[in-house]
Amino acid sequence: MARTRISISLEQEQAERIRRHAERAGMDVSAYLVSAATRQMAETEAMEEQFAGVDALIAAAEAEASAGAPEPPASAGELTEQERREIESALGLVYGADRPGARPGEAA
């Protein structure tokens, strides 16, 4: 496999610190930096894979929200008891269950 050279610029203090760490690991600086970058890429890819489902849900919710909220039915009227409980439950998740009924700007 052909090798490719990548040039980086860093502060002298950073370079010395990297050299010391590479030496302690029994590696030359190039091998140490490749190892560190490869490990970081694997961690990032694992996190992206783990959160791909959540990211997709967020993207779908954002797309739905940007499309605009649907208009309520003309005969919406009063909330049912079940709808009121669902709303209070959702508000408890947002504002904390220890502050039932609290709204932003209200004292606890």
PDB file of N, CA and C in Angstrom:
ATOM      1  N   MET A   1       0.849  -1.173   0.000  1.00  0.00           N
ATOM      2  CA  MET A   1       0.000   0.000   0.000  1.00  0.00           C
ATOM      3  C   MET A   1       0.893   1.233   0.000  1.00  0.00           C
ATOM      4  N   ALA A   2       0.577   2.189  -0.859  1.00  0.00           N
ATOM      5  CA  ALA A   2       1.358   3.420  -0.946  1.00  0.00           C
ATOM      6  C   ALA A   2       1.092   4.293   0.271  1.00  0.00           C
ATOM      7  N   ARG A   3       2.109   4.936   0.733  1.00  0.00           N
ATOM      8  CA  ARG A   3       1.984   5.833   1.890  1.00  0.00           C
ATOM      9  C   ARG A   3       1.737   7.251   1.411  1.00  0.00           C
ATOM     10  N   THR A   4       0.985   8.025   2.190  1.00  0.00           N
ATOM     11  CA  THR A   4       0.729   9.426   1.911  1.00  0.00           C
ATOM     12  C   THR A   4       1.225  10.243   3.081  1.00  0.00           C
ATOM     13  N   ARG A   5       1.868  11.333   2.798  1.00  0.00           N
ATOM     14  CA  ARG A   5       2.389  12.212   3.842  1.00  0.00           C
ATOM     15  C   ARG A   5       1.385  13.328   4.085  1.00  0.00           C
ATOM     16  N   ILE A   6       1.112  13.585   5.365  1.00  0.00           N
ATOM     17  CA  ILE A   6       0.253  14.692   5.775  1.00  0.00           C
ATOM     18  C   ILE A   6       1.083  15.589   6.680  1.00  0.00           C
ATOM     19  N   SER A   7       1.080  16.861   6.392  1.00  0.00           N
ATOM     20  CA  SER A   7       1.839  17.822   7.191  1.00  0.00           C
ATOM     21  C   SER A   7       0.881  18.541   8.133  1.00  0.00           C
ATOM     22  N   ILE A   8       1.267  18.677   9.387  1.00  0.00           N
ATOM     23  CA  ILE A   8       0.443  19.402  10.354  1.00  0.00           C
ATOM     24  C   ILE A   8       1.274  20.492  11.011  1.00  0.00           C
ATOM     25  N   SER A   9       0.610  21.504  11.505  1.00  0.00           N
ATOM     26  CA  SER A   9       1.272  22.581  12.237  1.00  0.00           C
ATOM     27  C   SER A   9       0.712  22.609  13.638  1.00  0.00           C
ATOM     28  N   LEU A  10       1.579  22.748  14.623  1.00  0.00           N
ATOM     29  CA  LEU A  10       1.137  22.816  16.004  1.00  0.00           C
ATOM     30  C   LEU A  10       2.157  23.581  16.825  1.00  0.00           C
ATOM     31  N   GLU A  11       1.737  23.963  18.005  1.00  0.00           N
ATOM     32  CA  GLU A  11       2.622  24.693  18.906  1.00  0.00           C
ATOM     33  C   GLU A  11       3.750  23.769  19.370  1.00  0.00           C
ATOM     34  N   GLN A  12       4.894  24.357  19.670  1.00  0.00           N
ATOM     35  CA  GLN A  12       6.054  23.596  20.115  1.00  0.00           C
ATOM     36  C   GLN A  12       5.736  22.756  21.348  1.00  0.00           C
ATOM     37  N   GLU A  13       4.991  23.328  22.279  1.00  0.00           N
ATOM     38  CA  GLU A  13       4.638  22.604  23.503  1.00  0.00           C
ATOM     39  C   GLU A  13       3.792  21.361  23.184  1.00  0.00           C
ATOM     40  N   GLN A  14       2.860  21.504  22.249  1.00  0.00           N
ATOM     41  CA  GLN A  14       2.046  20.356  21.837  1.00  0.00           C
ATOM     42  C   GLN A  14       2.916  19.284  21.194  1.00  0.00           C
ATOM     43  N   ALA A  15       3.841  19.711  20.337  1.00  0.00           N
ATOM     44  CA  ALA A  15       4.718  18.756  19.654  1.00  0.00           C
ATOM     45  C   ALA A  15       5.561  17.978  20.664  1.00  0.00           C
ATOM     46  N   GLU A  16       6.095  18.668  21.645  1.00  0.00           N
ATOM     47  CA  GLU A  16       6.914  17.995  22.666  1.00  0.00           C
ATOM     48  C   GLU A  16       6.073  17.021  23.478  1.00  0.00           C
ATOM     49  N   ARG A  17       4.875  17.416  23.812  1.00  0.00           N
ATOM     50  CA  ARG A  17       3.992  16.534  24.576  1.00  0.00           C
ATOM     51  C   ARG A  17       3.653  15.269  23.771  1.00  0.00           C
ATOM     52  N   ILE A  18       3.377  15.442  22.496  1.00  0.00           N
ATOM     53  CA  ILE A  18       3.090  14.289  21.632  1.00  0.00           C
ATOM     54  C   ILE A  18       4.316  13.391  21.542  1.00  0.00           C
ATOM     55  N   ARG A  19       5.482  13.977  21.380  1.00  0.00           N
ATOM     56  CA  ARG A  19       6.714  13.168  21.314  1.00  0.00           C
ATOM     57  C   ARG A  19       6.898  12.342  22.584  1.00  0.00           C
ATOM     58  N   ARG A  20       6.664  12.971  23.737  1.00  0.00           N
ATOM     59  CA  ARG A  20       6.828  12.252  25.011  1.00  0.00           C
ATOM     60  C   ARG A  20       5.837  11.091  25.113  1.00  0.00           C
ATOM     61  N   HIS A  21       4.584  11.343  24.748  1.00  0.00           N
ATOM     62  CA  HIS A  21       3.576  10.290  24.807  1.00  0.00           C
ATOM     63  C   HIS A  21       3.894   9.160  23.835  1.00  0.00           C
ATOM     64  N   ALA A  22       4.342   9.513  22.632  1.00  0.00           N
ATOM     65  CA  ALA A  22       4.710   8.491  21.648  1.00  0.00           C
ATOM     66  C   ALA A  22       5.857   7.639  22.170  1.00  0.00           C
ATOM     67  N   GLU A  23       6.838   8.290  22.770  1.00  0.00           N
ATOM     68  CA  GLU A  23       7.988   7.559  23.318  1.00  0.00           C
ATOM     69  C   GLU A  23       7.543   6.607  24.422  1.00  0.00           C
ATOM     70  N   ARG A  24       6.685   7.083  25.317  1.00  0.00           N
ATOM     71  CA  ARG A  24       6.189   6.216  26.398  1.00  0.00           C
ATOM     72  C   ARG A  24       5.413   5.035  25.851  1.00  0.00           C
ATOM     73  N   ALA A  25       4.743   5.227  24.715  1.00  0.00           N
ATOM     74  CA  ALA A  25       3.968   4.146  24.097  1.00  0.00           C
ATOM     75  C   ALA A  25       4.858   3.242  23.241  1.00  0.00           C
ATOM     76  N   GLY A  26       6.138   3.595  23.117  1.00  0.00           N
ATOM     77  CA  GLY A  26       7.051   2.793  22.312  1.00  0.00           C
ATOM     78  C   GLY A  26       6.806   2.938  20.827  1.00  0.00           C
ATOM     79  N   MET A  27       6.346   4.122  20.423  1.00  0.00           N
ATOM     80  CA  MET A  27       6.001   4.358  19.018  1.00  0.00           C
ATOM     81  C   MET A  27       6.728   5.601  18.527  1.00  0.00           C
ATOM     82  N   ASP A  28       6.893   5.686  17.192  1.00  0.00           N
ATOM     83  CA  ASP A  28       7.368   6.959  16.654  1.00  0.00           C
ATOM     84  C   ASP A  28       6.163   7.893  16.563  1.00  0.00           C
ATOM     85  N   VAL A  29       6.421   9.169  16.341  1.00  0.00           N
ATOM     86  CA  VAL A  29       5.349  10.164  16.351  1.00  0.00           C
ATOM     87  C   VAL A  29       4.295   9.855  15.286  1.00  0.00           C
ATOM     88  N   SER A  30       4.717   9.469  14.102  1.00  0.00           N
ATOM     89  CA  SER A  30       3.747   9.170  13.035  1.00  0.00           C
ATOM     90  C   SER A  30       2.813   8.041  13.438  1.00  0.00           C
ATOM     91  N   ALA A  31       3.377   6.943  13.922  1.00  0.00           N
ATOM     92  CA  ALA A  31       2.553   5.800  14.325  1.00  0.00           C
ATOM     93  C   ALA A  31       1.625   6.189  15.474  1.00  0.00           C
ATOM     94  N   TYR A  32       2.130   6.982  16.415  1.00  0.00           N
ATOM     95  CA  TYR A  32       1.315   7.410  17.549  1.00  0.00           C
ATOM     96  C   TYR A  32       0.126   8.248  17.083  1.00  0.00           C
ATOM     97  N   LEU A  33       0.376   9.219  16.183  1.00  0.00           N
ATOM     98  CA  LEU A  33      -0.708  10.076  15.706  1.00  0.00           C
ATOM     99  C   LEU A  33      -1.721   9.295  14.875  1.00  0.00           C
ATOM    100  N   VAL A  34      -1.253   8.363  14.058  1.00  0.00           N
ATOM    101  CA  VAL A  34      -2.170   7.533  13.279  1.00  0.00           C
ATOM    102  C   VAL A  34      -3.029   6.684  14.211  1.00  0.00           C
ATOM    103  N   SER A  35      -2.402   6.121  15.238  1.00  0.00           N
ATOM    104  CA  SER A  35      -3.139   5.305  16.200  1.00  0.00           C
ATOM    105  C   SER A  35      -4.203   6.144  16.913  1.00  0.00           C
ATOM    106  N   ALA A  36      -3.816   7.331  17.363  1.00  0.00           N
ATOM    107  CA  ALA A  36      -4.756   8.204  18.073  1.00  0.00           C
ATOM    108  C   ALA A  36      -5.904   8.630  17.159  1.00  0.00           C
ATOM    109  N   ALA A  37      -5.590   8.994  15.931  1.00  0.00           N
ATOM    110  CA  ALA A  37      -6.640   9.424  14.998  1.00  0.00           C
ATOM    111  C   ALA A  37      -7.565   8.267  14.652  1.00  0.00           C
ATOM    112  N   THR A  38      -7.003   7.089  14.444  1.00  0.00           N
ATOM    113  CA  THR A  38      -7.812   5.917  14.114  1.00  0.00           C
ATOM    114  C   THR A  38      -8.748   5.564  15.256  1.00  0.00           C
ATOM    115  N   ARG A  39      -8.248   5.633  16.485  1.00  0.00           N
ATOM    116  CA  ARG A  39      -9.084   5.354  17.657  1.00  0.00           C
ATOM    117  C   ARG A  39     -10.217   6.382  17.760  1.00  0.00           C
ATOM    118  N   GLN A  40      -9.892   7.660  17.543  1.00  0.00           N
ATOM    119  CA  GLN A  40     -10.909   8.710  17.616  1.00  0.00           C
ATOM    120  C   GLN A  40     -11.969   8.521  16.546  1.00  0.00           C
ATOM    121  N   MET A  41     -11.546   8.157  15.327  1.00  0.00           N
ATOM    122  CA  MET A  41     -12.512   7.932  14.246  1.00  0.00           C
ATOM    123  C   MET A  41     -13.434   6.762  14.579  1.00  0.00           C
ATOM    124  N   ALA A  42     -12.890   5.697  15.143  1.00  0.00           N
ATOM    125  CA  ALA A  42     -13.714   4.535  15.504  1.00  0.00           C
ATOM    126  C   ALA A  42     -14.735   4.914  16.572  1.00  0.00           C
ATOM    127  N   GLU A  43     -14.316   5.702  17.568  1.00  0.00           N
ATOM    128  CA  GLU A  43     -15.248   6.143  18.612  1.00  0.00           C
ATOM    129  C   GLU A  43     -16.362   7.005  18.015  1.00  0.00           C
ATOM    130  N   THR A  44     -15.994   7.933  17.141  1.00  0.00           N
ATOM    131  CA  THR A  44     -16.979   8.818  16.521  1.00  0.00           C
ATOM    132  C   THR A  44     -17.970   8.023  15.676  1.00  0.00           C
ATOM    133  N   GLU A  45     -17.460   7.092  14.885  1.00  0.00           N
ATOM    134  CA  GLU A  45     -18.337   6.273  14.044  1.00  0.00           C
ATOM    135  C   GLU A  45     -19.264   5.411  14.891  1.00  0.00           C
ATOM    136  N   ALA A  46     -18.769   4.879  16.013  1.00  0.00           N
ATOM    137  CA  ALA A  46     -19.608   4.066  16.899  1.00  0.00           C
ATOM    138  C   ALA A  46     -20.721   4.917  17.503  1.00  0.00           C
ATOM    139  N   MET A  47     -20.397   6.142  17.917  1.00  0.00           N
ATOM    140  CA  MET A  47     -21.424   7.030  18.480  1.00  0.00           C
ATOM    141  C   MET A  47     -22.451   7.407  17.422  1.00  0.00           C
ATOM    142  N   GLU A  48     -21.973   7.718  16.221  1.00  0.00           N
ATOM    143  CA  GLU A  48     -22.908   8.076  15.148  1.00  0.00           C
ATOM    144  C   GLU A  48     -23.847   6.913  14.842  1.00  0.00           C
ATOM    145  N   GLU A  49     -23.314   5.695  14.836  1.00  0.00           N
ATOM    146  CA  GLU A  49     -24.145   4.517  14.573  1.00  0.00           C
ATOM    147  C   GLU A  49     -25.152   4.307  15.705  1.00  0.00           C
ATOM    148  N   GLN A  50     -24.688   4.494  16.948  1.00  0.00           N
ATOM    149  CA  GLN A  50     -25.566   4.282  18.097  1.00  0.00           C
ATOM    150  C   GLN A  50     -26.716   5.280  18.111  1.00  0.00           C
ATOM    151  N   PHE A  51     -26.467   6.513  17.689  1.00  0.00           N
ATOM    152  CA  PHE A  51     -27.482   7.547  17.749  1.00  0.00           C
ATOM    153  C   PHE A  51     -28.173   7.797  16.415  1.00  0.00           C
ATOM    154  N   ALA A  52     -27.924   6.958  15.409  1.00  0.00           N
ATOM    155  CA  ALA A  52     -28.527   7.160  14.086  1.00  0.00           C
ATOM    156  C   ALA A  52     -30.050   7.162  14.164  1.00  0.00           C
ATOM    157  N   GLY A  53     -30.629   6.273  14.949  1.00  0.00           N
ATOM    158  CA  GLY A  53     -32.076   6.221  15.085  1.00  0.00           C
ATOM    159  C   GLY A  53     -32.640   7.481  15.702  1.00  0.00           C
ATOM    160  N   VAL A  54     -31.987   7.973  16.745  1.00  0.00           N
ATOM    161  CA  VAL A  54     -32.435   9.202  17.404  1.00  0.00           C
ATOM    162  C   VAL A  54     -32.282  10.382  16.452  1.00  0.00           C
ATOM    163  N   ASP A  55     -31.153  10.422  15.736  1.00  0.00           N
ATOM    164  CA  ASP A  55     -30.949  11.510  14.772  1.00  0.00           C
ATOM    165  C   ASP A  55     -32.031  11.507  13.697  1.00  0.00           C
ATOM    166  N   ALA A  56     -32.436  10.321  13.245  1.00  0.00           N
ATOM    167  CA  ALA A  56     -33.490  10.221  12.236  1.00  0.00           C
ATOM    168  C   ALA A  56     -34.820  10.722  12.792  1.00  0.00           C
ATOM    169  N   LEU A  57     -35.119  10.374  14.047  1.00  0.00           N
ATOM    170  CA  LEU A  57     -36.357  10.862  14.672  1.00  0.00           C
ATOM    171  C   LEU A  57     -36.354  12.377  14.799  1.00  0.00           C
ATOM    172  N   ILE A  58     -35.216  12.936  15.190  1.00  0.00           N
ATOM    173  CA  ILE A  58     -35.104  14.394  15.319  1.00  0.00           C
ATOM    174  C   ILE A  58     -35.288  15.055  13.958  1.00  0.00           C
ATOM    175  N   ALA A  59     -34.641  14.510  12.929  1.00  0.00           N
ATOM    176  CA  ALA A  59     -34.772  15.074  11.585  1.00  0.00           C
ATOM    177  C   ALA A  59     -36.220  15.029  11.109  1.00  0.00           C
ATOM    178  N   ALA A  60     -36.890  13.927  11.372  1.00  0.00           N
ATOM    179  CA  ALA A  60     -38.297  13.804  10.965  1.00  0.00           C
ATOM    180  C   ALA A  60     -39.163  14.804  11.718  1.00  0.00           C
ATOM    181  N   ALA A  61     -38.922  14.968  13.014  1.00  0.00           N
ATOM    182  CA  ALA A  61     -39.697  15.922  13.807  1.00  0.00           C
ATOM    183  C   ALA A  61     -39.451  17.350  13.339  1.00  0.00           C
ATOM    184  N   GLU A  62     -38.186  17.664  13.028  1.00  0.00           N
ATOM    185  CA  GLU A  62     -37.875  19.009  12.537  1.00  0.00           C
ATOM    186  C   GLU A  62     -38.538  19.261  11.180  1.00  0.00           C
ATOM    187  N   ALA A  63     -38.536  18.250  10.313  1.00  0.00           N
ATOM    188  CA  ALA A  63     -39.194  18.401   9.004  1.00  0.00           C
ATOM    189  C   ALA A  63     -40.691  18.608   9.178  1.00  0.00           C
ATOM    190  N   GLU A  64     -41.280  17.843  10.080  1.00  0.00           N
ATOM    191  CA  GLU A  64     -42.718  17.978  10.343  1.00  0.00           C
ATOM    192  C   GLU A  64     -43.030  19.350  10.915  1.00  0.00           C
ATOM    193  N   ALA A  65     -42.183  19.823  11.825  1.00  0.00           N
ATOM    194  CA  ALA A  65     -42.411  21.130  12.438  1.00  0.00           C
ATOM    195  C   ALA A  65     -42.247  22.256  11.426  1.00  0.00           C
ATOM    196  N   SER A  66     -41.284  22.127  10.526  1.00  0.00           N
ATOM    197  CA  SER A  66     -41.076  23.188   9.543  1.00  0.00           C
ATOM    198  C   SER A  66     -42.197  23.235   8.514  1.00  0.00           C
ATOM    199  N   ALA A  67     -42.911  22.119   8.365  1.00  0.00           N
ATOM    200  CA  ALA A  67     -44.045  22.085   7.442  1.00  0.00           C
ATOM    201  C   ALA A  67     -45.238  22.840   8.021  1.00  0.00           C
ATOM    202  N   GLY A  68     -45.176  23.157   9.293  1.00  0.00           N
ATOM    203  CA  GLY A  68     -46.254  23.895   9.936  1.00  0.00           C
ATOM    204  C   GLY A  68     -47.193  22.975  10.673  1.00  0.00           C
ATOM    205  N   ALA A  69     -47.699  23.471  11.761  1.00  0.00           N
ATOM    206  CA  ALA A  69     -48.623  22.686  12.575  1.00  0.00           C
ATOM    207  C   ALA A  69     -49.969  22.596  11.876  1.00  0.00           C
ATOM    208  N   PRO A  70     -50.607  21.459  11.947  1.00  0.00           N
ATOM    209  CA  PRO A  70     -51.930  21.338  11.330  1.00  0.00           C
ATOM    210  C   PRO A  70     -52.942  22.210  12.073  1.00  0.00           C
ATOM    211  N   GLU A  71     -53.882  22.688  11.349  1.00  0.00           N
ATOM    212  CA  GLU A  71     -54.945  23.501  11.938  1.00  0.00           C
ATOM    213  C   GLU A  71     -55.842  22.608  12.794  1.00  0.00           C
ATOM    214  N   PRO A  72     -56.245  23.086  13.964  1.00  0.00           N
ATOM    215  CA  PRO A  72     -57.151  22.279  14.782  1.00  0.00           C
ATOM    216  C   PRO A  72     -58.516  22.192  14.102  1.00  0.00           C
ATOM    217  N   PRO A  73     -59.223  21.123  14.355  1.00  0.00           N
ATOM    218  CA  PRO A  73     -60.556  21.006  13.754  1.00  0.00           C
ATOM    219  C   PRO A  73     -61.451  22.160  14.213  1.00  0.00           C
ATOM    220  N   ALA A  74     -62.369  22.553  13.359  1.00  0.00           N
ATOM    221  CA  ALA A  74     -63.247  23.686  13.661  1.00  0.00           C
ATOM    222  C   ALA A  74     -64.085  23.430  14.902  1.00  0.00           C
ATOM    223  N   SER A  75     -64.382  22.167  15.200  1.00  0.00           N
ATOM    224  CA  SER A  75     -65.222  21.856  16.347  1.00  0.00           C
ATOM    225  C   SER A  75     -64.403  21.379  17.548  1.00  0.00           C
ATOM    226  N   ALA A  76     -63.182  21.915  17.702  1.00  0.00           N
ATOM    227  CA  ALA A  76     -62.292  21.434  18.753  1.00  0.00           C
ATOM    228  C   ALA A  76     -62.929  21.567  20.139  1.00  0.00           C
ATOM    229  N   GLY A  77     -63.494  22.710  20.456  1.00  0.00           N
ATOM    230  CA  GLY A  77     -64.168  22.881  21.742  1.00  0.00           C
ATOM    231  C   GLY A  77     -63.250  22.647  22.929  1.00  0.00           C
ATOM    232  N   GLU A  78     -63.823  22.151  24.011  1.00  0.00           N
ATOM    233  CA  GLU A  78     -63.074  21.894  25.231  1.00  0.00           C
ATOM    234  C   GLU A  78     -62.265  20.606  25.128  1.00  0.00           C
ATOM    235  N   LEU A  79     -61.199  20.539  25.943  1.00  0.00           N
ATOM    236  CA  LEU A  79     -60.392  19.318  26.004  1.00  0.00           C
ATOM    237  C   LEU A  79     -61.127  18.247  26.797  1.00  0.00           C
ATOM    238  N   THR A  80     -60.905  17.021  26.394  1.00  0.00           N
ATOM    239  CA  THR A  80     -61.442  15.924  27.199  1.00  0.00           C
ATOM    240  C   THR A  80     -60.534  15.744  28.404  1.00  0.00           C
ATOM    241  N   GLU A  81     -61.007  15.025  29.389  1.00  0.00           N
ATOM    242  CA  GLU A  81     -60.200  14.764  30.582  1.00  0.00           C
ATOM    243  C   GLU A  81     -58.918  14.025  30.199  1.00  0.00           C
ATOM    244  N   GLN A  82     -59.004  13.065  29.280  1.00  0.00           N
ATOM    245  CA  GLN A  82     -57.830  12.316  28.820  1.00  0.00           C
ATOM    246  C   GLN A  82     -56.819  13.252  28.143  1.00  0.00           C
ATOM    247  N   GLU A  83     -57.298  14.162  27.299  1.00  0.00           N
ATOM    248  CA  GLU A  83     -56.409  15.114  26.620  1.00  0.00           C
ATOM    249  C   GLU A  83     -55.728  16.022  27.648  1.00  0.00           C
ATOM    250  N   ARG A  84     -56.483  16.461  28.671  1.00  0.00           N
ATOM    251  CA  ARG A  84     -55.910  17.321  29.701  1.00  0.00           C
ATOM    252  C   ARG A  84     -54.811  16.584  30.455  1.00  0.00           C
ATOM    253  N   ARG A  85     -55.045  15.303  30.817  1.00  0.00           N
ATOM    254  CA  ARG A  85     -54.032  14.514  31.520  1.00  0.00           C
ATOM    255  C   ARG A  85     -52.786  14.330  30.660  1.00  0.00           C
ATOM    256  N   GLU A  86     -52.981  14.088  29.367  1.00  0.00           N
ATOM    257  CA  GLU A  86     -51.837  13.919  28.460  1.00  0.00           C
ATOM    258  C   GLU A  86     -51.006  15.198  28.374  1.00  0.00           C
ATOM    259  N   ILE A  87     -51.679  16.325  28.323  1.00  0.00           N
ATOM    260  CA  ILE A  87     -50.977  17.609  28.257  1.00  0.00           C
ATOM    261  C   ILE A  87     -50.221  17.861  29.556  1.00  0.00           C
ATOM    262  N   GLU A  88     -50.857  17.628  30.691  1.00  0.00           N
ATOM    263  CA  GLU A  88     -50.187  17.818  31.978  1.00  0.00           C
ATOM    264  C   GLU A  88     -48.984  16.893  32.119  1.00  0.00           C
ATOM    265  N   SER A  89     -49.116  15.674  31.626  1.00  0.00           N
ATOM    266  CA  SER A  89     -48.004  14.722  31.669  1.00  0.00           C
ATOM    267  C   SER A  89     -46.837  15.228  30.819  1.00  0.00           C
ATOM    268  N   ALA A  90     -47.147  15.728  29.628  1.00  0.00           N
ATOM    269  CA  ALA A  90     -46.102  16.259  28.745  1.00  0.00           C
ATOM    270  C   ALA A  90     -45.433  17.475  29.372  1.00  0.00           C
ATOM    271  N   LEU A  91     -46.233  18.354  29.976  1.00  0.00           N
ATOM    272  CA  LEU A  91     -45.663  19.528  30.645  1.00  0.00           C
ATOM    273  C   LEU A  91     -44.793  19.112  31.822  1.00  0.00           C
ATOM    274  N   GLY A  92     -45.187  18.036  32.517  1.00  0.00           N
ATOM    275  CA  GLY A  92     -44.362  17.519  33.614  1.00  0.00           C
ATOM    276  C   GLY A  92     -43.005  17.057  33.116  1.00  0.00           C
ATOM    277  N   LEU A  93     -42.967  16.459  31.928  1.00  0.00           N
ATOM    278  CA  LEU A  93     -41.689  16.043  31.348  1.00  0.00           C
ATOM    279  C   LEU A  93     -40.820  17.244  30.998  1.00  0.00           C
ATOM    280  N   VAL A  94     -41.455  18.305  30.515  1.00  0.00           N
ATOM    281  CA  VAL A  94     -40.710  19.487  30.109  1.00  0.00           C
ATOM    282  C   VAL A  94     -40.241  20.299  31.313  1.00  0.00           C
ATOM    283  N   TYR A  95     -41.151  20.559  32.245  1.00  0.00           N
ATOM    284  CA  TYR A  95     -40.839  21.454  33.356  1.00  0.00           C
ATOM    285  C   TYR A  95     -40.440  20.734  34.630  1.00  0.00           C
ATOM    286  N   GLY A  96     -40.595  19.444  34.670  1.00  0.00           N
ATOM    287  CA  GLY A  96     -40.252  18.674  35.853  1.00  0.00           C
ATOM    288  C   GLY A  96     -41.502  18.288  36.612  1.00  0.00           C
ATOM    289  N   ALA A  97     -41.547  17.030  37.008  1.00  0.00           N
ATOM    290  CA  ALA A  97     -42.725  16.523  37.707  1.00  0.00           C
ATOM    291  C   ALA A  97     -42.887  17.169  39.073  1.00  0.00           C
ATOM    292  N   ASP A  98     -41.797  17.720  39.623  1.00  0.00           N
ATOM    293  CA  ASP A  98     -41.870  18.350  40.944  1.00  0.00           C
ATOM    294  C   ASP A  98     -42.523  19.730  40.879  1.00  0.00           C
ATOM    295  N   ARG A  99     -42.868  20.198  39.678  1.00  0.00           N
ATOM    296  CA  ARG A  99     -43.500  21.508  39.525  1.00  0.00           C
ATOM    297  C   ARG A  99     -44.765  21.379  38.697  1.00  0.00           C
ATOM    298  N   PRO A 100     -45.728  20.563  39.129  1.00  0.00           N
ATOM    299  CA  PRO A 100     -46.943  20.399  38.317  1.00  0.00           C
ATOM    300  C   PRO A 100     -47.641  21.729  38.088  1.00  0.00           C
ATOM    301  N   GLY A 101     -48.007  21.951  36.860  1.00  0.00           N
ATOM    302  CA  GLY A 101     -48.730  23.180  36.533  1.00  0.00           C
ATOM    303  C   GLY A 101     -47.867  24.412  36.402  1.00  0.00           C
ATOM    304  N   ALA A 102     -46.576  24.312  36.753  1.00  0.00           N
ATOM    305  CA  ALA A 102     -45.701  25.478  36.667  1.00  0.00           C
ATOM    306  C   ALA A 102     -45.422  25.805  35.214  1.00  0.00           C
ATOM    307  N   ARG A 103     -45.287  27.069  34.940  1.00  0.00           N
ATOM    308  CA  ARG A 103     -44.995  27.523  33.591  1.00  0.00           C
ATOM    309  C   ARG A 103     -43.731  28.380  33.645  1.00  0.00           C
ATOM    310  N   PRO A 104     -43.068  28.592  32.516  1.00  0.00           N
ATOM    311  CA  PRO A 104     -41.865  29.430  32.513  1.00  0.00           C
ATOM    312  C   PRO A 104     -42.156  30.794  33.117  1.00  0.00           C
ATOM    313  N   GLY A 105     -41.273  31.270  33.947  1.00  0.00           N
ATOM    314  CA  GLY A 105     -41.418  32.575  34.573  1.00  0.00           C
ATOM    315  C   GLY A 105     -42.212  32.553  35.865  1.00  0.00           C
ATOM    316  N   GLU A 106     -42.816  31.429  36.228  1.00  0.00           N
ATOM    317  CA  GLU A 106     -43.571  31.344  37.471  1.00  0.00           C
ATOM    318  C   GLU A 106     -42.659  30.840  38.573  1.00  0.00           C
ATOM    319  N   ALA A 107     -42.903  31.304  39.776  1.00  0.00           N
ATOM    320  CA  ALA A 107     -42.148  30.827  40.929  1.00  0.00           C
ATOM    321  C   ALA A 107     -42.590  29.417  41.272  1.00  0.00           C
ATOM    322  N   ALA A 108     -41.648  28.636  41.785  1.00  0.00           N
ATOM    323  CA  ALA A 108     -41.964  27.243  42.160  1.00  0.00           C
ATOM    324  C   ALA A 108     -42.824  27.211  43.400  1.00  0.00           C
TER     325      ALA A 108
END
